[in-house]
Amino acid sequence: MKNSLSTYKDYGYTSDKSSCAHKYLAGSILSMLKKGKNKTILDLGCGNGWMAGFLISKDFDVYGTDASISGIEIARKNFPDRFFVQDLSKDDLPHELNNLKFDTIVSTEVIEHLYDPRKYVTFCKTILQQNGGGELIISTPYHGYLKNIVMALTGTLDSHFTALWVGGHIKFLSRKTLTKLLQEQGFEITDFIGSGRFPFLWKSMIIKAKI
């Protein structure tokens, strides 16, 4: 994921608790997974490991990587051998994962923070194709016509766009643009779920695709 972030700033995780996004995403992510099909899962951008730990508790075989040293240190307290620091200057997974064959990648609320989302999707594609293909499940804040109008009318655009948050959201994807991004790399979209809040005012969207 070389140059995925121009300058990386550690998120500064302080606990293993779920985030506000985890609370509404967990059930939706779980509904997209099948034990017989999604055998070895990589949580790419796993943060403090909460989502991976949740899936492990549901008997899925999950490993996680993240650029955040603080996040990985916290994640390892619960699962010492399943979480590793991801070096953003390299196009490879941590060497400890070289012998694993990932058929599934889960990436929740990561892509909106990246300068080069195409590089990120290409990286996911490479991991899956090394093992004969697989599925990518990716979530990001939802943007659509109705939601954008509501935010404009209610004066919440500034807080939503997080312009003053160092390391915050820099990409604002719609279903159409995320679909296009995945299809450019040869992914076939197989499922879409809006998650959190009411239909078309969703907090996030989740797209599942296969390669």
N, C-alpha and C. Protein backbone atom coordinates (compact mmCIF):
# COMPACT_ATOMS: atom_id res chain seq x y z
N MET A 1 0.83 -1.19 0.00
CA MET A 1 0.00 0.00 0.00
C MET A 1 0.87 1.25 0.00
N LYS A 2 1.90 1.24 -0.79
CA LYS A 2 2.85 2.33 -0.85
C LYS A 2 2.14 3.63 -1.18
N ASN A 3 2.41 4.67 -0.37
CA ASN A 3 1.83 5.99 -0.57
C ASN A 3 0.31 6.01 -0.41
N SER A 4 -0.26 5.04 0.27
CA SER A 4 -1.69 5.09 0.55
C SER A 4 -2.02 6.29 1.42
N LEU A 5 -1.11 6.64 2.31
CA LEU A 5 -1.26 7.84 3.12
C LEU A 5 -0.01 8.69 2.93
N SER A 6 -0.21 9.98 2.67
CA SER A 6 0.95 10.84 2.46
C SER A 6 1.76 10.96 3.75
N THR A 7 1.10 11.13 4.90
CA THR A 7 1.76 11.16 6.19
C THR A 7 0.87 10.44 7.18
N TYR A 8 1.38 9.38 7.78
CA TYR A 8 0.54 8.61 8.69
C TYR A 8 0.66 9.15 10.10
N LYS A 9 -0.49 9.32 10.77
CA LYS A 9 -0.53 9.73 12.16
C LYS A 9 -1.28 8.65 12.93
N ASP A 10 -0.62 8.07 13.93
CA ASP A 10 -1.24 7.01 14.71
C ASP A 10 -2.55 7.50 15.31
N TYR A 11 -3.58 6.67 15.21
CA TYR A 11 -4.91 7.05 15.71
C TYR A 11 -4.90 7.27 17.22
N GLY A 12 -4.03 6.56 17.90
CA GLY A 12 -3.93 6.73 19.35
C GLY A 12 -5.02 5.99 20.12
N TYR A 13 -5.16 4.70 19.84
CA TYR A 13 -6.15 3.89 20.56
C TYR A 13 -5.78 3.77 22.03
N THR A 14 -6.80 3.82 22.87
CA THR A 14 -6.57 3.72 24.31
C THR A 14 -7.30 2.57 24.97
N SER A 15 -8.21 1.90 24.23
CA SER A 15 -8.94 0.78 24.81
C SER A 15 -9.36 -0.18 23.72
N ASP A 16 -9.86 -1.35 24.15
CA ASP A 16 -10.33 -2.35 23.21
C ASP A 16 -11.84 -2.28 23.00
N LYS A 17 -12.46 -1.20 23.43
CA LYS A 17 -13.91 -1.05 23.32
C LYS A 17 -14.34 -0.82 21.87
N SER A 18 -15.59 -1.16 21.58
CA SER A 18 -16.13 -0.93 20.25
C SER A 18 -16.32 0.55 20.00
N SER A 19 -16.18 0.96 18.75
CA SER A 19 -16.45 2.34 18.37
C SER A 19 -17.94 2.49 18.11
N CYS A 20 -18.39 3.72 17.91
CA CYS A 20 -19.81 3.93 17.60
C CYS A 20 -20.17 3.25 16.28
N ALA A 21 -19.23 3.21 15.34
CA ALA A 21 -19.49 2.55 14.05
C ALA A 21 -19.59 1.04 14.21
N HIS A 22 -18.73 0.47 15.05
CA HIS A 22 -18.77 -0.98 15.27
C HIS A 22 -20.15 -1.44 15.72
N LYS A 23 -20.81 -0.63 16.54
CA LYS A 23 -22.07 -1.03 17.15
C LYS A 23 -23.16 -1.27 16.10
N TYR A 24 -23.15 -0.49 15.03
CA TYR A 24 -24.18 -0.71 14.01
C TYR A 24 -23.66 -1.51 12.81
N LEU A 25 -22.36 -1.67 12.69
CA LEU A 25 -21.80 -2.43 11.56
C LEU A 25 -21.68 -3.93 11.83
N ALA A 26 -21.49 -4.30 13.09
CA ALA A 26 -21.13 -5.68 13.42
C ALA A 26 -22.15 -6.69 12.89
N GLY A 27 -23.43 -6.45 13.14
CA GLY A 27 -24.45 -7.39 12.69
C GLY A 27 -24.53 -7.48 11.18
N SER A 28 -24.35 -6.34 10.51
CA SER A 28 -24.40 -6.32 9.05
C SER A 28 -23.22 -7.06 8.44
N ILE A 29 -22.03 -6.86 9.00
CA ILE A 29 -20.85 -7.57 8.52
C ILE A 29 -21.04 -9.08 8.72
N LEU A 30 -21.52 -9.45 9.89
CA LEU A 30 -21.72 -10.86 10.20
C LEU A 30 -22.70 -11.50 9.23
N SER A 31 -23.73 -10.77 8.83
CA SER A 31 -24.75 -11.33 7.93
C SER A 31 -24.19 -11.61 6.54
N MET A 32 -23.05 -11.01 6.20
CA MET A 32 -22.46 -11.20 4.88
C MET A 32 -21.45 -12.34 4.84
N LEU A 33 -21.20 -12.97 5.99
CA LEU A 33 -20.19 -14.02 6.07
C LEU A 33 -20.84 -15.39 6.25
N LYS A 34 -20.21 -16.41 5.65
CA LYS A 34 -20.65 -17.79 5.79
C LYS A 34 -19.46 -18.64 6.17
N LYS A 35 -19.62 -19.44 7.21
CA LYS A 35 -18.49 -20.21 7.74
C LYS A 35 -17.89 -21.17 6.72
N GLY A 36 -18.71 -21.80 5.90
CA GLY A 36 -18.19 -22.75 4.94
C GLY A 36 -17.47 -22.10 3.78
N LYS A 37 -17.71 -20.82 3.56
CA LYS A 37 -17.14 -20.11 2.42
C LYS A 37 -16.03 -19.15 2.81
N ASN A 38 -16.25 -18.40 3.86
CA ASN A 38 -15.27 -17.41 4.32
C ASN A 38 -14.42 -18.04 5.41
N LYS A 39 -13.41 -18.80 4.99
CA LYS A 39 -12.66 -19.66 5.91
C LYS A 39 -11.54 -18.94 6.63
N THR A 40 -10.80 -18.09 5.91
CA THR A 40 -9.69 -17.37 6.53
C THR A 40 -9.82 -15.90 6.18
N ILE A 41 -10.05 -15.07 7.19
CA ILE A 41 -10.41 -13.67 6.98
C ILE A 41 -9.29 -12.75 7.44
N LEU A 42 -9.02 -11.74 6.62
CA LEU A 42 -8.09 -10.67 6.99
C LEU A 42 -8.89 -9.41 7.27
N ASP A 43 -8.76 -8.88 8.48
CA ASP A 43 -9.36 -7.58 8.81
C ASP A 43 -8.28 -6.53 8.52
N LEU A 44 -8.40 -5.89 7.37
CA LEU A 44 -7.38 -4.95 6.90
C LEU A 44 -7.73 -3.55 7.39
N GLY A 45 -6.85 -3.01 8.25
CA GLY A 45 -7.16 -1.77 8.93
C GLY A 45 -7.99 -2.05 10.16
N CYS A 46 -7.53 -2.99 10.96
CA CYS A 46 -8.33 -3.55 12.06
C CYS A 46 -8.42 -2.66 13.28
N GLY A 47 -7.63 -1.57 13.34
CA GLY A 47 -7.67 -0.68 14.49
C GLY A 47 -7.30 -1.39 15.77
N ASN A 48 -8.17 -1.32 16.77
CA ASN A 48 -7.88 -1.96 18.06
C ASN A 48 -8.30 -3.41 18.11
N GLY A 49 -8.74 -3.95 16.96
CA GLY A 49 -9.05 -5.37 16.86
C GLY A 49 -10.45 -5.76 17.30
N TRP A 50 -11.32 -4.78 17.60
CA TRP A 50 -12.64 -5.12 18.12
C TRP A 50 -13.46 -5.95 17.12
N MET A 51 -13.51 -5.49 15.86
CA MET A 51 -14.33 -6.20 14.87
C MET A 51 -13.80 -7.62 14.64
N ALA A 52 -12.50 -7.74 14.52
CA ALA A 52 -11.91 -9.08 14.35
C ALA A 52 -12.22 -9.96 15.55
N GLY A 53 -12.11 -9.40 16.75
CA GLY A 53 -12.43 -10.16 17.95
C GLY A 53 -13.88 -10.59 17.98
N PHE A 54 -14.77 -9.72 17.52
CA PHE A 54 -16.19 -10.05 17.45
C PHE A 54 -16.41 -11.23 16.51
N LEU A 55 -15.76 -11.21 15.36
CA LEU A 55 -15.91 -12.31 14.40
C LEU A 55 -15.28 -13.60 14.91
N ILE A 56 -14.16 -13.47 15.62
CA ILE A 56 -13.54 -14.65 16.23
C ILE A 56 -14.50 -15.28 17.23
N SER A 57 -15.21 -14.44 17.97
CA SER A 57 -16.17 -14.95 18.96
C SER A 57 -17.33 -15.69 18.29
N LYS A 58 -17.52 -15.45 16.99
CA LYS A 58 -18.55 -16.14 16.22
C LYS A 58 -17.97 -17.32 15.45
N ASP A 59 -16.76 -17.72 15.85
CA ASP A 59 -16.08 -18.91 15.32
C ASP A 59 -15.53 -18.74 13.91
N PHE A 60 -15.21 -17.51 13.52
CA PHE A 60 -14.51 -17.28 12.26
C PHE A 60 -13.01 -17.20 12.53
N ASP A 61 -12.23 -17.59 11.54
CA ASP A 61 -10.76 -17.57 11.63
C ASP A 61 -10.28 -16.24 11.08
N VAL A 62 -9.91 -15.32 11.96
CA VAL A 62 -9.64 -13.93 11.56
C VAL A 62 -8.27 -13.47 12.06
N TYR A 63 -7.58 -12.75 11.18
CA TYR A 63 -6.32 -12.08 11.52
C TYR A 63 -6.48 -10.60 11.15
N GLY A 64 -5.70 -9.73 11.80
CA GLY A 64 -5.84 -8.31 11.54
C GLY A 64 -4.51 -7.60 11.38
N THR A 65 -4.52 -6.57 10.53
CA THR A 65 -3.34 -5.70 10.39
C THR A 65 -3.79 -4.25 10.43
N ASP A 66 -2.91 -3.40 10.91
CA ASP A 66 -3.19 -1.96 10.94
C ASP A 66 -1.87 -1.23 11.07
N ALA A 67 -1.85 0.01 10.59
CA ALA A 67 -0.65 0.84 10.71
C ALA A 67 -0.50 1.39 12.12
N SER A 68 -1.57 1.35 12.91
CA SER A 68 -1.54 1.92 14.26
C SER A 68 -0.85 0.97 15.24
N ILE A 69 0.29 1.39 15.75
CA ILE A 69 1.00 0.59 16.74
C ILE A 69 0.18 0.46 18.01
N SER A 70 -0.45 1.56 18.42
CA SER A 70 -1.26 1.51 19.65
C SER A 70 -2.44 0.56 19.49
N GLY A 71 -3.06 0.57 18.31
CA GLY A 71 -4.18 -0.33 18.06
C GLY A 71 -3.78 -1.79 18.12
N ILE A 72 -2.67 -2.12 17.48
CA ILE A 72 -2.20 -3.51 17.45
C ILE A 72 -1.78 -3.97 18.84
N GLU A 73 -1.16 -3.11 19.61
CA GLU A 73 -0.77 -3.48 20.97
C GLU A 73 -1.99 -3.85 21.80
N ILE A 74 -3.07 -3.10 21.65
CA ILE A 74 -4.30 -3.40 22.37
C ILE A 74 -4.92 -4.69 21.88
N ALA A 75 -4.97 -4.86 20.56
CA ALA A 75 -5.57 -6.07 19.97
C ALA A 75 -4.83 -7.32 20.43
N ARG A 76 -3.53 -7.24 20.56
CA ARG A 76 -2.73 -8.41 20.94
C ARG A 76 -2.95 -8.84 22.39
N LYS A 77 -3.47 -7.95 23.21
CA LYS A 77 -3.73 -8.34 24.59
C LYS A 77 -4.78 -9.44 24.66
N ASN A 78 -5.72 -9.41 23.73
CA ASN A 78 -6.78 -10.43 23.70
C ASN A 78 -6.41 -11.62 22.82
N PHE A 79 -5.68 -11.35 21.72
CA PHE A 79 -5.32 -12.41 20.77
C PHE A 79 -3.87 -12.17 20.32
N PRO A 80 -2.90 -12.66 21.09
CA PRO A 80 -1.49 -12.34 20.86
C PRO A 80 -0.95 -12.69 19.49
N ASP A 81 -1.48 -13.74 18.85
CA ASP A 81 -0.87 -14.24 17.61
C ASP A 81 -1.68 -13.91 16.36
N ARG A 82 -2.60 -12.96 16.46
CA ARG A 82 -3.50 -12.70 15.33
C ARG A 82 -3.44 -11.27 14.78
N PHE A 83 -2.65 -10.41 15.38
CA PHE A 83 -2.62 -9.01 14.95
C PHE A 83 -1.19 -8.53 14.72
N PHE A 84 -1.02 -7.76 13.63
CA PHE A 84 0.31 -7.35 13.22
C PHE A 84 0.29 -5.93 12.65
N VAL A 85 1.38 -5.21 12.87
CA VAL A 85 1.51 -3.85 12.35
C VAL A 85 1.72 -3.91 10.84
N GLN A 86 0.95 -3.14 10.10
CA GLN A 86 1.06 -3.06 8.65
C GLN A 86 1.92 -1.87 8.26
N ASP A 87 3.03 -2.13 7.62
CA ASP A 87 3.94 -1.08 7.14
C ASP A 87 3.37 -0.48 5.86
N LEU A 88 2.91 0.78 5.91
CA LEU A 88 2.28 1.40 4.75
C LEU A 88 3.25 1.71 3.62
N SER A 89 4.56 1.60 3.89
CA SER A 89 5.54 1.86 2.84
C SER A 89 5.80 0.64 1.97
N LYS A 90 5.18 -0.50 2.34
CA LYS A 90 5.40 -1.74 1.61
C LYS A 90 4.12 -2.24 0.96
N ASP A 91 4.27 -3.01 -0.10
CA ASP A 91 3.13 -3.58 -0.80
C ASP A 91 2.87 -5.03 -0.38
N ASP A 92 3.32 -5.40 0.79
CA ASP A 92 3.18 -6.77 1.27
C ASP A 92 2.56 -6.79 2.66
N LEU A 93 1.93 -7.90 2.98
CA LEU A 93 1.46 -8.11 4.34
C LEU A 93 2.65 -8.38 5.26
N PRO A 94 2.48 -8.22 6.56
CA PRO A 94 3.54 -8.60 7.50
C PRO A 94 3.97 -10.05 7.26
N HIS A 95 5.26 -10.31 7.40
CA HIS A 95 5.80 -11.63 7.03
C HIS A 95 5.17 -12.76 7.84
N GLU A 96 4.65 -12.44 9.03
CA GLU A 96 4.04 -13.48 9.86
C GLU A 96 2.80 -14.09 9.20
N LEU A 97 2.24 -13.39 8.21
CA LEU A 97 1.02 -13.85 7.55
C LEU A 97 1.28 -14.48 6.18
N ASN A 98 2.55 -14.62 5.82
CA ASN A 98 2.89 -15.09 4.47
C ASN A 98 2.37 -16.48 4.16
N ASN A 99 2.24 -17.32 5.15
CA ASN A 99 1.83 -18.71 4.90
C ASN A 99 0.33 -18.92 4.96
N LEU A 100 -0.41 -17.86 5.23
CA LEU A 100 -1.87 -17.97 5.31
C LEU A 100 -2.51 -17.66 3.97
N LYS A 101 -3.60 -18.34 3.67
CA LYS A 101 -4.32 -18.14 2.42
C LYS A 101 -5.65 -17.48 2.73
N PHE A 102 -5.71 -16.18 2.52
CA PHE A 102 -6.91 -15.42 2.83
C PHE A 102 -7.90 -15.49 1.67
N ASP A 103 -9.10 -15.98 1.96
CA ASP A 103 -10.15 -16.01 0.94
C ASP A 103 -11.14 -14.86 1.13
N THR A 104 -10.96 -14.09 2.21
CA THR A 104 -11.87 -13.00 2.52
C THR A 104 -11.11 -11.84 3.16
N ILE A 105 -11.45 -10.63 2.74
CA ILE A 105 -10.93 -9.42 3.39
C ILE A 105 -12.12 -8.61 3.88
N VAL A 106 -12.06 -8.20 5.14
CA VAL A 106 -13.03 -7.28 5.71
C VAL A 106 -12.31 -5.97 6.00
N SER A 107 -12.88 -4.87 5.57
CA SER A 107 -12.26 -3.56 5.80
C SER A 107 -13.35 -2.57 6.19
N THR A 108 -13.40 -2.21 7.46
CA THR A 108 -14.48 -1.35 7.95
C THR A 108 -13.98 0.05 8.27
N GLU A 109 -14.60 1.04 7.62
CA GLU A 109 -14.35 2.46 7.89
C GLU A 109 -12.86 2.81 7.78
N VAL A 110 -12.25 2.35 6.70
CA VAL A 110 -10.82 2.61 6.45
C VAL A 110 -10.62 3.46 5.20
N ILE A 111 -11.28 3.10 4.11
CA ILE A 111 -10.97 3.67 2.81
C ILE A 111 -11.18 5.18 2.75
N GLU A 112 -12.09 5.69 3.58
CA GLU A 112 -12.37 7.13 3.57
C GLU A 112 -11.21 7.95 4.14
N HIS A 113 -10.26 7.29 4.80
CA HIS A 113 -9.10 7.97 5.37
C HIS A 113 -7.89 8.00 4.43
N LEU A 114 -8.00 7.35 3.28
CA LEU A 114 -6.83 7.12 2.44
C LEU A 114 -6.74 8.08 1.27
N TYR A 115 -5.53 8.56 1.03
CA TYR A 115 -5.28 9.45 -0.10
C TYR A 115 -5.48 8.73 -1.43
N ASP A 116 -5.09 7.46 -1.49
CA ASP A 116 -5.14 6.71 -2.74
C ASP A 116 -5.99 5.44 -2.57
N PRO A 117 -7.32 5.55 -2.65
CA PRO A 117 -8.16 4.37 -2.46
C PRO A 117 -7.97 3.30 -3.53
N ARG A 118 -7.58 3.70 -4.74
CA ARG A 118 -7.33 2.70 -5.80
C ARG A 118 -6.18 1.79 -5.41
N LYS A 119 -5.15 2.35 -4.82
CA LYS A 119 -4.01 1.55 -4.37
C LYS A 119 -4.45 0.54 -3.31
N TYR A 120 -5.35 0.96 -2.46
CA TYR A 120 -5.86 0.10 -1.40
C TYR A 120 -6.65 -1.08 -1.97
N VAL A 121 -7.53 -0.79 -2.92
CA VAL A 121 -8.32 -1.85 -3.54
C VAL A 121 -7.43 -2.79 -4.34
N THR A 122 -6.42 -2.25 -5.01
CA THR A 122 -5.47 -3.09 -5.74
C THR A 122 -4.74 -4.03 -4.78
N PHE A 123 -4.38 -3.52 -3.61
CA PHE A 123 -3.72 -4.33 -2.60
C PHE A 123 -4.62 -5.48 -2.16
N CYS A 124 -5.90 -5.18 -1.93
CA CYS A 124 -6.87 -6.23 -1.56
C CYS A 124 -6.98 -7.27 -2.66
N LYS A 125 -7.05 -6.81 -3.89
CA LYS A 125 -7.14 -7.71 -5.05
C LYS A 125 -5.94 -8.65 -5.11
N THR A 126 -4.76 -8.11 -4.90
CA THR A 126 -3.54 -8.91 -4.96
C THR A 126 -3.55 -10.01 -3.90
N ILE A 127 -3.96 -9.67 -2.68
CA ILE A 127 -4.01 -10.66 -1.60
C ILE A 127 -4.95 -11.80 -1.95
N LEU A 128 -6.13 -11.45 -2.45
CA LEU A 128 -7.13 -12.47 -2.77
C LEU A 128 -6.72 -13.31 -3.96
N GLN A 129 -6.15 -12.69 -4.99
CA GLN A 129 -5.78 -13.43 -6.19
C GLN A 129 -4.61 -14.37 -5.94
N GLN A 130 -3.79 -14.06 -4.96
CA GLN A 130 -2.69 -14.96 -4.61
C GLN A 130 -3.21 -16.32 -4.16
N ASN A 131 -4.46 -16.33 -3.74
CA ASN A 131 -5.04 -17.56 -3.21
C ASN A 131 -6.24 -18.01 -4.03
N GLY A 132 -6.25 -17.63 -5.31
CA GLY A 132 -7.29 -18.11 -6.22
C GLY A 132 -8.56 -17.30 -6.23
N GLY A 133 -8.54 -16.11 -5.62
CA GLY A 133 -9.72 -15.25 -5.59
C GLY A 133 -10.45 -15.34 -4.27
N GLY A 134 -11.41 -14.44 -4.09
CA GLY A 134 -12.16 -14.43 -2.84
C GLY A 134 -13.08 -13.24 -2.76
N GLU A 135 -13.49 -12.89 -1.55
CA GLU A 135 -14.48 -11.84 -1.34
C GLU A 135 -13.89 -10.68 -0.53
N LEU A 136 -14.31 -9.48 -0.90
CA LEU A 136 -13.96 -8.25 -0.19
C LEU A 136 -15.24 -7.65 0.36
N ILE A 137 -15.27 -7.41 1.66
CA ILE A 137 -16.40 -6.74 2.31
C ILE A 137 -15.88 -5.44 2.87
N ILE A 138 -16.39 -4.34 2.35
CA ILE A 138 -15.83 -3.03 2.67
C ILE A 138 -16.93 -2.07 3.08
N SER A 139 -16.71 -1.36 4.19
CA SER A 139 -17.68 -0.37 4.64
C SER A 139 -17.05 1.01 4.66
N THR A 140 -17.89 2.01 4.48
CA THR A 140 -17.47 3.40 4.50
C THR A 140 -18.71 4.25 4.75
N PRO A 141 -18.57 5.47 5.29
CA PRO A 141 -19.75 6.31 5.49
C PRO A 141 -20.55 6.47 4.19
N TYR A 142 -21.86 6.41 4.33
CA TYR A 142 -22.75 6.49 3.17
C TYR A 142 -23.00 7.94 2.76
N HIS A 143 -23.00 8.16 1.45
CA HIS A 143 -23.38 9.46 0.89
C HIS A 143 -24.34 9.22 -0.26
N GLY A 144 -25.45 9.91 -0.24
CA GLY A 144 -26.45 9.80 -1.30
C GLY A 144 -27.22 11.10 -1.38
N TYR A 145 -28.00 11.23 -2.43
CA TYR A 145 -28.70 12.49 -2.72
C TYR A 145 -29.54 12.97 -1.53
N LEU A 146 -30.39 12.10 -0.99
CA LEU A 146 -31.28 12.50 0.09
C LEU A 146 -30.50 12.86 1.35
N LYS A 147 -29.53 12.04 1.71
CA LYS A 147 -28.74 12.32 2.92
C LYS A 147 -27.97 13.62 2.78
N ASN A 148 -27.41 13.86 1.60
CA ASN A 148 -26.65 15.09 1.40
C ASN A 148 -27.54 16.33 1.55
N ILE A 149 -28.79 16.25 1.04
CA ILE A 149 -29.73 17.36 1.18
C ILE A 149 -30.08 17.59 2.65
N VAL A 150 -30.33 16.51 3.37
CA VAL A 150 -30.69 16.62 4.78
C VAL A 150 -29.55 17.26 5.57
N MET A 151 -28.31 16.85 5.30
CA MET A 151 -27.17 17.44 6.00
C MET A 151 -27.03 18.92 5.69
N ALA A 152 -27.27 19.29 4.43
CA ALA A 152 -27.18 20.70 4.05
C ALA A 152 -28.26 21.52 4.75
N LEU A 153 -29.47 20.99 4.80
CA LEU A 153 -30.60 21.72 5.40
C LEU A 153 -30.49 21.83 6.92
N THR A 154 -29.83 20.84 7.54
CA THR A 154 -29.73 20.84 9.00
C THR A 154 -28.42 21.43 9.51
N GLY A 155 -27.58 21.89 8.61
CA GLY A 155 -26.35 22.54 9.01
C GLY A 155 -25.31 21.62 9.63
N THR A 156 -25.32 20.35 9.21
CA THR A 156 -24.39 19.38 9.81
C THR A 156 -23.22 19.02 8.88
N LEU A 157 -23.08 19.73 7.77
CA LEU A 157 -22.02 19.39 6.81
C LEU A 157 -20.63 19.54 7.41
N ASP A 158 -20.40 20.62 8.16
CA ASP A 158 -19.06 20.83 8.73
C ASP A 158 -18.65 19.70 9.67
N SER A 159 -19.56 19.30 10.54
CA SER A 159 -19.21 18.22 11.47
C SER A 159 -19.05 16.90 10.73
N HIS A 160 -19.82 16.70 9.66
CA HIS A 160 -19.73 15.45 8.91
C HIS A 160 -18.41 15.36 8.13
N PHE A 161 -17.98 16.44 7.54
CA PHE A 161 -16.78 16.40 6.70
C PHE A 161 -15.48 16.42 7.49
N THR A 162 -15.52 16.65 8.79
CA THR A 162 -14.36 16.53 9.68
C THR A 162 -13.12 17.23 9.13
N ALA A 163 -13.30 18.42 8.61
CA ALA A 163 -12.19 19.12 7.94
C ALA A 163 -11.01 19.41 8.87
N LEU A 164 -11.25 19.57 10.14
CA LEU A 164 -10.18 19.93 11.07
C LEU A 164 -9.61 18.73 11.83
N TRP A 165 -10.07 17.54 11.52
CA TRP A 165 -9.58 16.32 12.16
C TRP A 165 -8.36 15.81 11.41
N VAL A 166 -7.19 15.91 12.03
CA VAL A 166 -5.97 15.40 11.42
C VAL A 166 -6.09 13.89 11.28
N GLY A 167 -5.96 13.38 10.05
CA GLY A 167 -6.11 11.96 9.82
C GLY A 167 -7.56 11.54 9.66
N GLY A 168 -8.46 12.52 9.52
CA GLY A 168 -9.88 12.22 9.38
C GLY A 168 -10.27 11.80 7.98
N HIS A 169 -11.55 11.93 7.68
CA HIS A 169 -12.08 11.49 6.39
C HIS A 169 -11.65 12.45 5.28
N ILE A 170 -11.09 11.90 4.21
CA ILE A 170 -10.70 12.72 3.07
C ILE A 170 -11.35 12.27 1.77
N LYS A 171 -12.03 11.11 1.80
CA LYS A 171 -12.78 10.61 0.64
C LYS A 171 -14.22 10.38 1.07
N PHE A 172 -15.15 10.86 0.25
CA PHE A 172 -16.57 10.77 0.58
C PHE A 172 -17.26 10.03 -0.56
N LEU A 173 -17.45 8.74 -0.34
CA LEU A 173 -17.88 7.84 -1.40
C LEU A 173 -19.38 7.61 -1.37
N SER A 174 -19.96 7.48 -2.55
CA SER A 174 -21.34 7.05 -2.70
C SER A 174 -21.36 5.58 -3.12
N ARG A 175 -22.54 5.01 -3.17
CA ARG A 175 -22.65 3.64 -3.66
C ARG A 175 -22.11 3.55 -5.08
N LYS A 176 -22.41 4.55 -5.89
CA LYS A 176 -21.99 4.56 -7.29
C LYS A 176 -20.47 4.63 -7.41
N THR A 177 -19.84 5.53 -6.65
CA THR A 177 -18.39 5.71 -6.80
C THR A 177 -17.60 4.54 -6.20
N LEU A 178 -18.09 3.97 -5.08
CA LEU A 178 -17.40 2.81 -4.53
C LEU A 178 -17.56 1.60 -5.44
N THR A 179 -18.75 1.45 -6.03
CA THR A 179 -18.96 0.37 -6.99
C THR A 179 -18.02 0.51 -8.18
N LYS A 180 -17.91 1.73 -8.70
CA LYS A 180 -17.01 1.98 -9.84
C LYS A 180 -15.57 1.66 -9.48
N LEU A 181 -15.16 2.07 -8.30
CA LEU A 181 -13.79 1.82 -7.84
C LEU A 181 -13.48 0.33 -7.81
N LEU A 182 -14.41 -0.46 -7.30
CA LEU A 182 -14.20 -1.90 -7.21
C LEU A 182 -14.26 -2.56 -8.59
N GLN A 183 -15.18 -2.12 -9.42
CA GLN A 183 -15.31 -2.72 -10.76
C GLN A 183 -14.09 -2.39 -11.63
N GLU A 184 -13.48 -1.25 -11.43
CA GLU A 184 -12.26 -0.91 -12.17
C GLU A 184 -11.17 -1.97 -11.98
N GLN A 185 -11.15 -2.57 -10.79
CA GLN A 185 -10.13 -3.57 -10.47
C GLN A 185 -10.61 -5.00 -10.76
N GLY A 186 -11.77 -5.12 -11.40
CA GLY A 186 -12.24 -6.44 -11.79
C GLY A 186 -13.14 -7.13 -10.78
N PHE A 187 -13.51 -6.43 -9.71
CA PHE A 187 -14.41 -7.02 -8.73
C PHE A 187 -15.84 -7.03 -9.26
N GLU A 188 -16.57 -8.05 -8.89
CA GLU A 188 -17.99 -8.14 -9.20
C GLU A 188 -18.79 -7.90 -7.92
N ILE A 189 -19.66 -6.90 -7.94
CA ILE A 189 -20.46 -6.58 -6.76
C ILE A 189 -21.52 -7.66 -6.56
N THR A 190 -21.61 -8.18 -5.34
CA THR A 190 -22.58 -9.25 -5.05
C THR A 190 -23.61 -8.85 -4.00
N ASP A 191 -23.34 -7.80 -3.22
CA ASP A 191 -24.31 -7.43 -2.18
C ASP A 191 -24.07 -5.99 -1.72
N PHE A 192 -25.13 -5.37 -1.23
CA PHE A 192 -25.07 -4.01 -0.69
C PHE A 192 -26.00 -3.94 0.51
N ILE A 193 -25.51 -3.34 1.59
CA ILE A 193 -26.33 -3.12 2.78
C ILE A 193 -26.08 -1.69 3.28
N GLY A 194 -27.16 -0.98 3.60
CA GLY A 194 -27.03 0.26 4.32
C GLY A 194 -27.13 -0.04 5.80
N SER A 195 -26.32 0.61 6.63
CA SER A 195 -26.24 0.25 8.04
C SER A 195 -26.29 1.49 8.92
N GLY A 196 -27.09 1.42 9.97
CA GLY A 196 -27.22 2.54 10.89
C GLY A 196 -28.24 3.56 10.39
N ARG A 197 -29.16 3.94 11.24
CA ARG A 197 -30.18 4.93 10.93
C ARG A 197 -31.20 4.40 9.93
N PHE A 198 -31.91 5.31 9.25
CA PHE A 198 -33.01 4.96 8.37
C PHE A 198 -32.54 4.76 6.93
N PRO A 199 -33.32 4.03 6.11
CA PRO A 199 -32.96 3.84 4.70
C PRO A 199 -32.70 5.17 3.99
N PHE A 200 -31.59 5.20 3.25
CA PHE A 200 -31.14 6.34 2.47
C PHE A 200 -30.66 7.52 3.33
N LEU A 201 -30.71 7.35 4.64
CA LEU A 201 -30.02 8.25 5.56
C LEU A 201 -29.00 7.46 6.37
N TRP A 202 -28.61 6.29 5.83
CA TRP A 202 -27.70 5.39 6.55
C TRP A 202 -26.44 6.11 7.02
N LYS A 203 -25.91 5.65 8.13
CA LYS A 203 -24.61 6.15 8.59
C LYS A 203 -23.49 5.61 7.70
N SER A 204 -23.56 4.33 7.39
CA SER A 204 -22.54 3.69 6.56
C SER A 204 -23.17 2.77 5.55
N MET A 205 -22.39 2.38 4.56
CA MET A 205 -22.82 1.39 3.59
C MET A 205 -21.76 0.29 3.55
N ILE A 206 -22.21 -0.90 3.22
CA ILE A 206 -21.30 -2.05 3.10
C ILE A 206 -21.51 -2.69 1.76
N ILE A 207 -20.44 -2.86 1.03
CA ILE A 207 -20.50 -3.53 -0.26
C ILE A 207 -19.64 -4.80 -0.20
N LYS A 208 -20.23 -5.91 -0.68
CA LYS A 208 -19.47 -7.15 -0.81
C LYS A 208 -19.21 -7.41 -2.29
N ALA A 209 -17.98 -7.76 -2.60
CA ALA A 209 -17.60 -8.02 -3.99
C ALA A 209 -16.68 -9.22 -4.05
N LYS A 210 -16.64 -9.87 -5.21
CA LYS A 210 -15.76 -11.04 -5.37
C LYS A 210 -14.84 -10.83 -6.56
N ILE A 211 -13.72 -11.52 -6.52
CA ILE A 211 -12.74 -11.44 -7.61
C ILE A 211 -12.28 -12.86 -7.93
